[in-house]
Structures are given as structure tokens and as C-alpha cells.
């Protein structure tokens, strides 16, 4: 899934919930060849409604902590 070096780095840079969400998102992207925001929201195992999962996923993907520059510099 994610090389060990990146796992350690991401765990240090992200909050625990952000890291777990990222791991889950990567798994879903690898297991489904064609995805959309709605499909990802449907597949996310959150105990909230699908529309709320979609909004939550959108907010997650817009986090400043997931930008390349702050994450890997």
C-alpha cells in the first residue's frame, strides 16, 4: 500500500484521524478503477449519511496539511 518510509513521515505530519482517512482513501482508490466523489463517499465506512460523507471527504481533501509543500518539505 504505502511504503514504510512514507507511512512514518505521514504519521508524524498528520493527525491520527487524518492519517487513517488518507490510508482508507488510498485503499479505496487502489481497489476501484473508476471513482467519483459520490462513489468514494458511498464506500467510506462512516456512520453518517452519504451526503454528509461526501462533504466530509471534500473538506478532508482540501486540508492544508494535505498540500504537497507543507507535507514533504
N, C-alpha and C. Protein backbone atom coordinates (compact mmCIF):
# COMPACT_ATOMS: atom_id res chain seq x y z
N UNK A 1 0.81 -1.18 0.00
CA UNK A 1 0.00 0.00 0.00
C UNK A 1 0.87 1.26 0.00
N UNK A 2 1.32 1.71 1.15
CA UNK A 2 2.20 2.87 1.25
C UNK A 2 3.54 2.38 1.77
N UNK A 3 4.63 2.76 1.11
CA UNK A 3 5.95 2.35 1.62
C UNK A 3 6.16 2.80 3.08
N UNK A 4 6.91 2.03 3.81
CA UNK A 4 7.12 2.26 5.24
C UNK A 4 7.66 3.66 5.53
N UNK A 5 8.59 4.13 4.69
CA UNK A 5 9.16 5.47 4.89
C UNK A 5 8.06 6.53 4.87
N UNK A 6 7.15 6.43 3.89
CA UNK A 6 6.06 7.41 3.79
C UNK A 6 5.07 7.26 4.93
N UNK A 7 4.81 6.04 5.35
CA UNK A 7 3.91 5.83 6.48
C UNK A 7 4.41 6.57 7.72
N UNK A 8 5.67 6.40 8.02
CA UNK A 8 6.25 7.06 9.20
C UNK A 8 6.17 8.57 9.06
N UNK A 9 6.54 9.06 7.90
CA UNK A 9 6.52 10.51 7.67
C UNK A 9 5.10 11.07 7.77
N UNK A 10 4.15 10.40 7.14
CA UNK A 10 2.78 10.88 7.17
C UNK A 10 2.19 10.81 8.58
N UNK A 11 2.54 9.80 9.34
CA UNK A 11 2.06 9.71 10.72
C UNK A 11 2.58 10.87 11.55
N UNK A 12 3.78 11.31 11.26
CA UNK A 12 4.36 12.43 12.00
C UNK A 12 3.75 13.76 11.58
N UNK A 13 3.35 13.87 10.31
CA UNK A 13 2.86 15.14 9.78
C UNK A 13 1.36 15.34 9.95
N UNK A 14 0.60 14.26 10.01
CA UNK A 14 -0.86 14.35 10.05
C UNK A 14 -1.39 13.93 11.42
N UNK A 15 -2.58 14.40 11.72
CA UNK A 15 -3.27 13.93 12.91
C UNK A 15 -3.65 12.47 12.68
N UNK A 16 -3.90 11.74 13.74
CA UNK A 16 -4.20 10.32 13.62
C UNK A 16 -5.43 10.08 12.74
N UNK A 17 -6.49 10.85 12.93
CA UNK A 17 -7.70 10.65 12.12
C UNK A 17 -7.44 11.00 10.66
N UNK A 18 -6.63 12.02 10.40
CA UNK A 18 -6.30 12.38 9.02
C UNK A 18 -5.49 11.27 8.35
N UNK A 19 -4.55 10.72 9.10
CA UNK A 19 -3.73 9.64 8.56
C UNK A 19 -4.57 8.41 8.24
N UNK A 20 -5.46 8.04 9.14
CA UNK A 20 -6.31 6.87 8.91
C UNK A 20 -7.26 7.10 7.73
N UNK A 21 -7.79 8.30 7.61
CA UNK A 21 -8.66 8.62 6.49
C UNK A 21 -7.88 8.55 5.18
N UNK A 22 -6.67 9.06 5.18
CA UNK A 22 -5.83 9.00 3.99
C UNK A 22 -5.53 7.56 3.60
N UNK A 23 -5.21 6.71 4.57
CA UNK A 23 -4.95 5.30 4.28
C UNK A 23 -6.19 4.63 3.67
N UNK A 24 -7.34 4.92 4.24
CA UNK A 24 -8.59 4.35 3.73
C UNK A 24 -8.87 4.85 2.32
N UNK A 25 -8.66 6.12 2.09
CA UNK A 25 -8.88 6.69 0.77
C UNK A 25 -7.95 6.08 -0.27
N UNK A 26 -6.69 5.88 0.08
CA UNK A 26 -5.74 5.25 -0.84
C UNK A 26 -6.16 3.82 -1.15
N UNK A 27 -6.60 3.11 -0.13
CA UNK A 27 -7.08 1.73 -0.35
C UNK A 27 -8.26 1.72 -1.32
N UNK A 28 -9.23 2.62 -1.11
CA UNK A 28 -10.39 2.67 -1.98
C UNK A 28 -10.01 3.04 -3.41
N UNK A 29 -9.09 3.96 -3.56
CA UNK A 29 -8.65 4.35 -4.90
C UNK A 29 -7.92 3.21 -5.61
N UNK A 30 -7.19 2.41 -4.86
CA UNK A 30 -6.47 1.29 -5.46
C UNK A 30 -7.40 0.14 -5.82
N UNK A 31 -8.46 -0.03 -5.07
CA UNK A 31 -9.34 -1.18 -5.30
C UNK A 31 -10.45 -0.90 -6.32
N UNK A 32 -10.73 0.37 -6.60
CA UNK A 32 -11.75 0.73 -7.59
C UNK A 32 -11.07 1.51 -8.71
N UNK A 33 -11.24 1.03 -9.92
CA UNK A 33 -10.52 1.63 -11.04
C UNK A 33 -11.10 2.99 -11.45
N UNK A 34 -12.40 3.12 -11.43
CA UNK A 34 -13.03 4.39 -11.77
C UNK A 34 -13.79 4.88 -10.55
N UNK A 35 -13.47 6.07 -10.12
CA UNK A 35 -14.11 6.60 -8.92
C UNK A 35 -14.63 8.01 -9.15
N UNK A 36 -15.60 8.36 -8.37
CA UNK A 36 -16.11 9.72 -8.32
C UNK A 36 -16.25 10.07 -6.85
N UNK A 37 -16.47 11.33 -6.57
CA UNK A 37 -16.63 11.76 -5.19
C UNK A 37 -17.81 11.03 -4.53
N UNK A 38 -18.89 10.87 -5.28
CA UNK A 38 -20.08 10.20 -4.75
C UNK A 38 -19.80 8.74 -4.43
N UNK A 39 -19.08 8.06 -5.32
CA UNK A 39 -18.74 6.65 -5.08
C UNK A 39 -17.84 6.51 -3.86
N UNK A 40 -16.82 7.36 -3.77
CA UNK A 40 -15.94 7.30 -2.60
C UNK A 40 -16.72 7.56 -1.32
N UNK A 41 -17.62 8.53 -1.35
CA UNK A 41 -18.42 8.83 -0.16
C UNK A 41 -19.30 7.64 0.21
N UNK A 42 -19.82 6.95 -0.79
CA UNK A 42 -20.65 5.78 -0.52
C UNK A 42 -19.83 4.66 0.11
N UNK A 43 -18.58 4.52 -0.31
CA UNK A 43 -17.73 3.43 0.17
C UNK A 43 -17.07 3.71 1.52
N UNK A 44 -17.01 4.97 1.92
CA UNK A 44 -16.38 5.31 3.20
C UNK A 44 -17.23 4.76 4.35
N UNK A 45 -16.60 4.08 5.30
CA UNK A 45 -17.36 3.44 6.39
C UNK A 45 -17.65 4.38 7.56
N UNK A 46 -18.16 5.56 7.27
CA UNK A 46 -18.51 6.50 8.33
C UNK A 46 -19.98 6.32 8.68
N UNK A 47 -20.33 6.41 9.96
CA UNK A 47 -21.73 6.22 10.36
C UNK A 47 -22.57 7.49 10.19
N UNK A 48 -22.44 8.12 9.03
CA UNK A 48 -23.23 9.32 8.74
C UNK A 48 -23.84 9.16 7.35
N UNK A 49 -24.77 10.04 7.02
CA UNK A 49 -25.45 9.94 5.73
C UNK A 49 -24.49 10.17 4.58
N UNK A 50 -24.85 9.65 3.41
CA UNK A 50 -23.98 9.70 2.24
C UNK A 50 -23.60 11.14 1.87
N UNK A 51 -24.55 12.04 1.89
CA UNK A 51 -24.27 13.43 1.54
C UNK A 51 -23.29 14.05 2.53
N UNK A 52 -23.44 13.74 3.79
CA UNK A 52 -22.51 14.24 4.81
C UNK A 52 -21.13 13.64 4.62
N UNK A 53 -21.06 12.37 4.23
CA UNK A 53 -19.76 11.74 3.95
C UNK A 53 -19.08 12.42 2.77
N UNK A 54 -19.87 12.77 1.76
CA UNK A 54 -19.29 13.45 0.59
C UNK A 54 -18.72 14.81 0.99
N UNK A 55 -19.46 15.58 1.76
CA UNK A 55 -18.97 16.89 2.21
C UNK A 55 -17.74 16.72 3.10
N UNK A 56 -17.78 15.73 3.97
CA UNK A 56 -16.64 15.46 4.85
C UNK A 56 -15.40 15.10 4.03
N UNK A 57 -15.58 14.28 3.01
CA UNK A 57 -14.47 13.90 2.14
C UNK A 57 -13.93 15.11 1.38
N UNK A 58 -14.81 15.97 0.90
CA UNK A 58 -14.36 17.18 0.22
C UNK A 58 -13.55 18.08 1.15
N UNK A 59 -14.02 18.25 2.37
CA UNK A 59 -13.28 19.06 3.35
C UNK A 59 -11.92 18.43 3.64
N UNK A 60 -11.89 17.11 3.77
CA UNK A 60 -10.63 16.42 4.03
C UNK A 60 -9.63 16.65 2.91
N UNK A 61 -10.07 16.54 1.67
CA UNK A 61 -9.16 16.70 0.54
C UNK A 61 -8.66 18.13 0.37
N UNK A 62 -9.34 19.09 0.97
CA UNK A 62 -8.93 20.49 0.89
C UNK A 62 -8.07 20.94 2.06
N UNK A 63 -7.78 20.03 2.98
CA UNK A 63 -6.98 20.40 4.15
C UNK A 63 -5.61 20.93 3.75
N UNK A 64 -5.16 21.96 4.45
CA UNK A 64 -3.83 22.50 4.19
C UNK A 64 -2.74 21.47 4.50
N UNK A 65 -2.99 20.62 5.47
CA UNK A 65 -1.98 19.63 5.85
C UNK A 65 -1.78 18.56 4.78
N UNK A 66 -2.67 18.48 3.79
CA UNK A 66 -2.51 17.51 2.71
C UNK A 66 -1.87 18.11 1.46
N UNK A 67 -1.52 19.38 1.52
CA UNK A 67 -0.84 20.00 0.38
C UNK A 67 0.59 19.46 0.31
N UNK A 68 1.11 19.32 -0.88
CA UNK A 68 2.42 18.70 -1.09
C UNK A 68 3.54 19.47 -0.39
N UNK A 69 3.57 20.80 -0.54
CA UNK A 69 4.68 21.57 0.00
C UNK A 69 4.82 21.42 1.51
N UNK A 70 3.77 21.68 2.30
CA UNK A 70 3.96 21.55 3.76
C UNK A 70 4.16 20.09 4.20
N UNK A 71 3.61 19.17 3.43
CA UNK A 71 3.68 17.77 3.83
C UNK A 71 5.07 17.18 3.64
N UNK A 72 5.76 17.55 2.58
CA UNK A 72 7.03 16.92 2.27
C UNK A 72 8.23 17.85 2.31
N UNK A 73 8.05 19.06 2.78
CA UNK A 73 9.20 19.97 2.90
C UNK A 73 9.57 20.17 4.34
